[in-house]
Amino acid sequence: VDANGNLRLNGSVLGGSPNAGTNNTQITQAVQWQAGNYSFDTFRLACVSGSCGSISVVGGPLHISANTIIIDSGASIIAEELVWGNAGQGTSTARASNGKSP
């Protein structure tokens, strides 16, 4: 999430995230994860039968690498860390004239 509250995703021009894993994960309830690096092929925070996935992060920053990331409306990632404000692995980091991420 950038300084304007917008989710920023960095993608690779090579057709996928170079650090992505091979497992698929779907979260449909509240869980707590330790800070660290997590890799998936497909990662989904889902809402199913009135229950939405939620990740609370403890102990530092969370980095998720995946070829596909799906976050359903109502699902969330809760972390209290600084936001990385520099160039990522993806393409442009320029801000649009309205102050939002491209």
N, C-alpha and C. Protein backbone atom coordinates (compact mmCIF):
# COMPACT_ATOMS: atom_id res chain seq x y z
N VAL A 1 0.86 -1.17 0.00
CA VAL A 1 0.00 0.00 0.00
C VAL A 1 0.90 1.22 0.00
N ASP A 2 0.62 2.16 -0.92
CA ASP A 2 1.45 3.36 -0.99
C ASP A 2 0.93 4.44 -0.04
N ALA A 3 1.57 5.61 -0.06
CA ALA A 3 1.23 6.70 0.85
C ALA A 3 -0.20 7.20 0.67
N ASN A 4 -0.82 6.93 -0.48
CA ASN A 4 -2.20 7.34 -0.73
C ASN A 4 -3.21 6.25 -0.39
N GLY A 5 -2.75 5.15 0.16
CA GLY A 5 -3.64 4.06 0.51
C GLY A 5 -3.98 3.13 -0.64
N ASN A 6 -3.24 3.21 -1.74
CA ASN A 6 -3.49 2.36 -2.90
C ASN A 6 -2.56 1.16 -2.90
N LEU A 7 -3.10 0.00 -3.26
CA LEU A 7 -2.31 -1.21 -3.35
C LEU A 7 -1.41 -1.12 -4.57
N ARG A 8 -0.12 -1.38 -4.39
CA ARG A 8 0.84 -1.35 -5.49
C ARG A 8 1.36 -2.77 -5.70
N LEU A 9 1.29 -3.22 -6.93
CA LEU A 9 1.79 -4.53 -7.28
C LEU A 9 2.87 -4.38 -8.33
N ASN A 10 3.96 -5.09 -8.15
CA ASN A 10 5.04 -5.07 -9.12
C ASN A 10 4.99 -6.36 -9.91
N GLY A 11 4.97 -6.24 -11.23
CA GLY A 11 4.93 -7.41 -12.10
C GLY A 11 6.16 -7.48 -12.96
N SER A 12 6.42 -8.62 -13.51
CA SER A 12 7.58 -8.81 -14.36
C SER A 12 7.16 -8.81 -15.82
N VAL A 13 7.99 -8.22 -16.67
CA VAL A 13 7.71 -8.23 -18.11
C VAL A 13 7.98 -9.60 -18.72
N LEU A 14 8.51 -10.51 -17.93
CA LEU A 14 8.83 -11.85 -18.43
C LEU A 14 7.65 -12.81 -18.29
N GLY A 15 6.50 -12.34 -17.86
CA GLY A 15 5.33 -13.19 -17.80
C GLY A 15 5.00 -13.75 -16.43
N GLY A 16 5.68 -13.35 -15.42
CA GLY A 16 5.37 -13.82 -14.07
C GLY A 16 6.37 -13.28 -13.08
N SER A 17 6.06 -13.43 -11.83
CA SER A 17 6.95 -12.98 -10.78
C SER A 17 8.14 -13.93 -10.68
N PRO A 18 9.36 -13.41 -10.71
CA PRO A 18 10.53 -14.29 -10.67
C PRO A 18 10.68 -15.05 -9.35
N ASN A 19 10.03 -14.59 -8.28
CA ASN A 19 10.14 -15.25 -6.98
C ASN A 19 8.89 -16.04 -6.61
N ALA A 20 7.98 -16.22 -7.57
CA ALA A 20 6.73 -16.92 -7.29
C ALA A 20 6.98 -18.39 -7.00
N GLY A 21 6.12 -18.95 -6.18
CA GLY A 21 6.22 -20.37 -5.85
C GLY A 21 5.36 -21.21 -6.78
N THR A 22 5.11 -22.45 -6.37
CA THR A 22 4.33 -23.37 -7.19
C THR A 22 3.03 -23.81 -6.52
N ASN A 23 2.82 -23.42 -5.27
CA ASN A 23 1.62 -23.83 -4.54
C ASN A 23 0.53 -22.77 -4.63
N ASN A 24 -0.72 -23.21 -4.59
CA ASN A 24 -1.87 -22.31 -4.55
C ASN A 24 -2.38 -22.24 -3.11
N THR A 25 -2.76 -21.04 -2.67
CA THR A 25 -3.27 -20.85 -1.32
C THR A 25 -4.52 -19.99 -1.36
N GLN A 26 -5.55 -20.42 -0.62
CA GLN A 26 -6.76 -19.62 -0.46
C GLN A 26 -7.05 -19.50 1.03
N ILE A 27 -7.20 -18.26 1.50
CA ILE A 27 -7.48 -18.00 2.91
C ILE A 27 -8.89 -17.45 3.03
N THR A 28 -9.72 -18.08 3.88
CA THR A 28 -11.12 -17.67 4.02
C THR A 28 -11.49 -17.29 5.45
N GLN A 29 -10.51 -17.20 6.33
CA GLN A 29 -10.77 -16.81 7.71
C GLN A 29 -9.60 -15.99 8.22
N ALA A 30 -9.70 -15.49 9.45
CA ALA A 30 -8.63 -14.68 10.03
C ALA A 30 -7.46 -15.57 10.42
N VAL A 31 -6.25 -15.18 9.99
CA VAL A 31 -5.03 -15.89 10.34
C VAL A 31 -3.97 -14.87 10.74
N GLN A 32 -2.95 -15.34 11.43
CA GLN A 32 -1.83 -14.48 11.80
C GLN A 32 -0.56 -15.08 11.21
N TRP A 33 0.18 -14.25 10.48
CA TRP A 33 1.43 -14.70 9.87
C TRP A 33 2.59 -13.93 10.48
N GLN A 34 3.71 -14.63 10.63
CA GLN A 34 4.95 -13.96 11.00
C GLN A 34 5.46 -13.19 9.79
N ALA A 35 6.15 -12.11 10.03
CA ALA A 35 6.76 -11.35 8.95
C ALA A 35 7.70 -12.25 8.16
N GLY A 36 7.88 -11.93 6.90
CA GLY A 36 8.79 -12.71 6.08
C GLY A 36 8.37 -12.74 4.64
N ASN A 37 9.02 -13.60 3.89
CA ASN A 37 8.76 -13.76 2.46
C ASN A 37 7.93 -15.02 2.22
N TYR A 38 6.86 -14.87 1.46
CA TYR A 38 5.97 -15.98 1.14
C TYR A 38 5.82 -16.05 -0.37
N SER A 39 5.88 -17.26 -0.93
CA SER A 39 5.82 -17.44 -2.38
C SER A 39 4.71 -18.41 -2.75
N PHE A 40 3.92 -18.03 -3.77
CA PHE A 40 2.81 -18.84 -4.24
C PHE A 40 2.72 -18.74 -5.75
N ASP A 41 2.05 -19.71 -6.37
CA ASP A 41 1.66 -19.56 -7.77
C ASP A 41 0.43 -18.65 -7.80
N THR A 42 -0.64 -19.08 -7.10
CA THR A 42 -1.85 -18.25 -6.96
C THR A 42 -2.13 -18.06 -5.48
N PHE A 43 -2.30 -16.81 -5.08
CA PHE A 43 -2.62 -16.45 -3.69
C PHE A 43 -3.96 -15.74 -3.69
N ARG A 44 -4.90 -16.22 -2.86
CA ARG A 44 -6.22 -15.58 -2.81
C ARG A 44 -6.68 -15.39 -1.37
N LEU A 45 -7.08 -14.16 -1.06
CA LEU A 45 -7.80 -13.86 0.17
C LEU A 45 -9.26 -13.81 -0.25
N ALA A 46 -10.04 -14.78 0.18
CA ALA A 46 -11.39 -14.96 -0.35
C ALA A 46 -12.46 -14.71 0.70
N CYS A 47 -13.65 -14.39 0.21
CA CYS A 47 -14.86 -14.31 1.03
C CYS A 47 -15.77 -15.45 0.57
N VAL A 48 -16.07 -16.38 1.51
CA VAL A 48 -16.88 -17.55 1.20
C VAL A 48 -17.92 -17.72 2.31
N SER A 49 -19.16 -17.81 1.96
CA SER A 49 -20.26 -18.05 2.91
C SER A 49 -20.23 -17.06 4.08
N GLY A 50 -19.98 -15.81 3.78
CA GLY A 50 -20.01 -14.76 4.81
C GLY A 50 -18.74 -14.62 5.62
N SER A 51 -17.74 -15.44 5.37
CA SER A 51 -16.47 -15.35 6.08
C SER A 51 -15.39 -14.87 5.11
N CYS A 52 -14.68 -13.81 5.50
CA CYS A 52 -13.63 -13.26 4.62
C CYS A 52 -12.25 -13.51 5.20
N GLY A 53 -11.32 -13.79 4.31
CA GLY A 53 -9.94 -13.99 4.71
C GLY A 53 -9.31 -12.71 5.20
N SER A 54 -8.46 -12.84 6.20
CA SER A 54 -7.77 -11.69 6.79
C SER A 54 -6.42 -12.17 7.31
N ILE A 55 -5.37 -11.43 7.00
CA ILE A 55 -4.03 -11.76 7.50
C ILE A 55 -3.58 -10.62 8.40
N SER A 56 -3.24 -10.94 9.65
CA SER A 56 -2.60 -9.98 10.55
C SER A 56 -1.13 -10.34 10.59
N VAL A 57 -0.28 -9.37 10.30
CA VAL A 57 1.16 -9.60 10.21
C VAL A 57 1.83 -9.12 11.49
N VAL A 58 2.70 -9.95 12.06
CA VAL A 58 3.44 -9.57 13.26
C VAL A 58 4.93 -9.73 13.04
N GLY A 59 5.69 -8.86 13.65
CA GLY A 59 7.14 -9.00 13.67
C GLY A 59 7.90 -8.37 12.53
N GLY A 60 7.27 -7.55 11.71
CA GLY A 60 8.01 -6.90 10.63
C GLY A 60 7.26 -6.92 9.32
N PRO A 61 7.97 -6.69 8.22
CA PRO A 61 7.31 -6.57 6.91
C PRO A 61 6.91 -7.93 6.33
N LEU A 62 5.89 -7.88 5.48
CA LEU A 62 5.39 -9.05 4.77
C LEU A 62 5.62 -8.84 3.29
N HIS A 63 6.16 -9.85 2.62
CA HIS A 63 6.39 -9.78 1.18
C HIS A 63 5.78 -11.04 0.57
N ILE A 64 4.78 -10.84 -0.30
CA ILE A 64 4.14 -11.96 -0.98
C ILE A 64 4.52 -11.91 -2.45
N SER A 65 5.12 -12.99 -2.95
CA SER A 65 5.45 -13.13 -4.37
C SER A 65 4.53 -14.19 -4.95
N ALA A 66 3.83 -13.83 -6.05
CA ALA A 66 2.92 -14.78 -6.68
C ALA A 66 2.70 -14.39 -8.13
N ASN A 67 2.37 -15.37 -8.95
CA ASN A 67 2.00 -15.07 -10.33
C ASN A 67 0.62 -14.44 -10.40
N THR A 68 -0.28 -14.86 -9.50
CA THR A 68 -1.63 -14.31 -9.45
C THR A 68 -1.99 -14.02 -8.00
N ILE A 69 -2.43 -12.78 -7.73
CA ILE A 69 -2.90 -12.40 -6.40
C ILE A 69 -4.34 -11.92 -6.54
N ILE A 70 -5.24 -12.54 -5.76
CA ILE A 70 -6.66 -12.17 -5.78
C ILE A 70 -7.07 -11.82 -4.36
N ILE A 71 -7.61 -10.61 -4.17
CA ILE A 71 -8.11 -10.19 -2.87
C ILE A 71 -9.57 -9.80 -3.05
N ASP A 72 -10.47 -10.63 -2.51
CA ASP A 72 -11.90 -10.36 -2.63
C ASP A 72 -12.28 -9.12 -1.83
N SER A 73 -13.34 -8.45 -2.26
CA SER A 73 -13.87 -7.32 -1.53
C SER A 73 -14.28 -7.78 -0.13
N GLY A 74 -13.76 -7.12 0.89
CA GLY A 74 -14.03 -7.51 2.27
C GLY A 74 -12.87 -8.23 2.93
N ALA A 75 -11.98 -8.80 2.14
CA ALA A 75 -10.78 -9.47 2.68
C ALA A 75 -9.73 -8.41 2.98
N SER A 76 -8.73 -8.74 3.82
CA SER A 76 -7.76 -7.71 4.20
C SER A 76 -6.42 -8.28 4.63
N ILE A 77 -5.41 -7.42 4.54
CA ILE A 77 -4.09 -7.67 5.10
C ILE A 77 -3.82 -6.52 6.06
N ILE A 78 -3.55 -6.84 7.31
CA ILE A 78 -3.36 -5.83 8.34
C ILE A 78 -1.92 -5.90 8.81
N ALA A 79 -1.18 -4.81 8.60
CA ALA A 79 0.23 -4.77 9.01
C ALA A 79 0.57 -3.35 9.44
N GLU A 80 1.40 -3.24 10.44
CA GLU A 80 1.82 -1.93 10.91
C GLU A 80 3.31 -1.78 10.66
N GLU A 81 3.64 -1.42 9.45
CA GLU A 81 5.03 -1.24 9.04
C GLU A 81 5.14 -0.05 8.12
N LEU A 82 6.37 0.36 7.86
CA LEU A 82 6.62 1.42 6.90
C LEU A 82 6.35 0.92 5.50
N VAL A 83 5.95 1.82 4.63
CA VAL A 83 5.69 1.48 3.24
C VAL A 83 6.96 1.72 2.43
N TRP A 84 7.32 0.76 1.58
CA TRP A 84 8.47 0.92 0.71
C TRP A 84 8.14 1.97 -0.32
N GLY A 85 8.93 3.04 -0.38
CA GLY A 85 8.62 4.15 -1.26
C GLY A 85 9.54 4.27 -2.45
N ASN A 86 10.34 3.28 -2.72
CA ASN A 86 11.29 3.34 -3.83
C ASN A 86 10.86 2.40 -4.95
N ALA A 87 11.67 2.36 -6.00
CA ALA A 87 11.36 1.52 -7.15
C ALA A 87 11.33 0.06 -6.74
N GLY A 88 10.35 -0.66 -7.26
CA GLY A 88 10.25 -2.08 -7.01
C GLY A 88 10.82 -2.86 -8.17
N GLN A 89 10.49 -4.12 -8.23
CA GLN A 89 11.01 -4.98 -9.27
C GLN A 89 10.24 -4.81 -10.57
N GLY A 90 9.05 -4.23 -10.48
CA GLY A 90 8.21 -4.08 -11.66
C GLY A 90 8.61 -2.91 -12.54
N THR A 91 7.66 -2.38 -13.26
CA THR A 91 7.93 -1.32 -14.21
C THR A 91 7.87 0.04 -13.54
N SER A 92 7.08 0.96 -14.06
CA SER A 92 7.06 2.34 -13.61
C SER A 92 6.65 2.50 -12.15
N THR A 93 7.29 3.44 -11.48
CA THR A 93 6.89 3.83 -10.13
C THR A 93 6.43 5.27 -10.12
N ALA A 94 6.22 5.86 -11.29
CA ALA A 94 5.81 7.26 -11.39
C ALA A 94 4.39 7.43 -10.86
N ARG A 95 4.13 8.58 -10.29
CA ARG A 95 2.82 8.90 -9.76
C ARG A 95 2.05 9.72 -10.79
N ALA A 96 0.79 9.42 -10.96
CA ALA A 96 -0.06 10.16 -11.89
C ALA A 96 -0.30 11.57 -11.37
N SER A 97 -0.78 12.45 -12.22
CA SER A 97 -1.02 13.84 -11.83
C SER A 97 -2.04 13.97 -10.71
N ASN A 98 -2.91 12.97 -10.54
CA ASN A 98 -3.88 13.01 -9.45
C ASN A 98 -3.30 12.49 -8.13
N GLY A 99 -2.00 12.15 -8.12
CA GLY A 99 -1.33 11.69 -6.91
C GLY A 99 -1.46 10.21 -6.65
N LYS A 100 -2.17 9.50 -7.50
CA LYS A 100 -2.36 8.06 -7.30
C LYS A 100 -1.36 7.27 -8.12
N SER A 101 -1.19 6.03 -7.73
CA SER A 101 -0.28 5.15 -8.45
C SER A 101 -0.82 4.87 -9.84
N PRO A 102 0.08 4.63 -10.81
CA PRO A 102 -0.38 4.31 -12.16
C PRO A 102 -1.07 2.96 -12.21
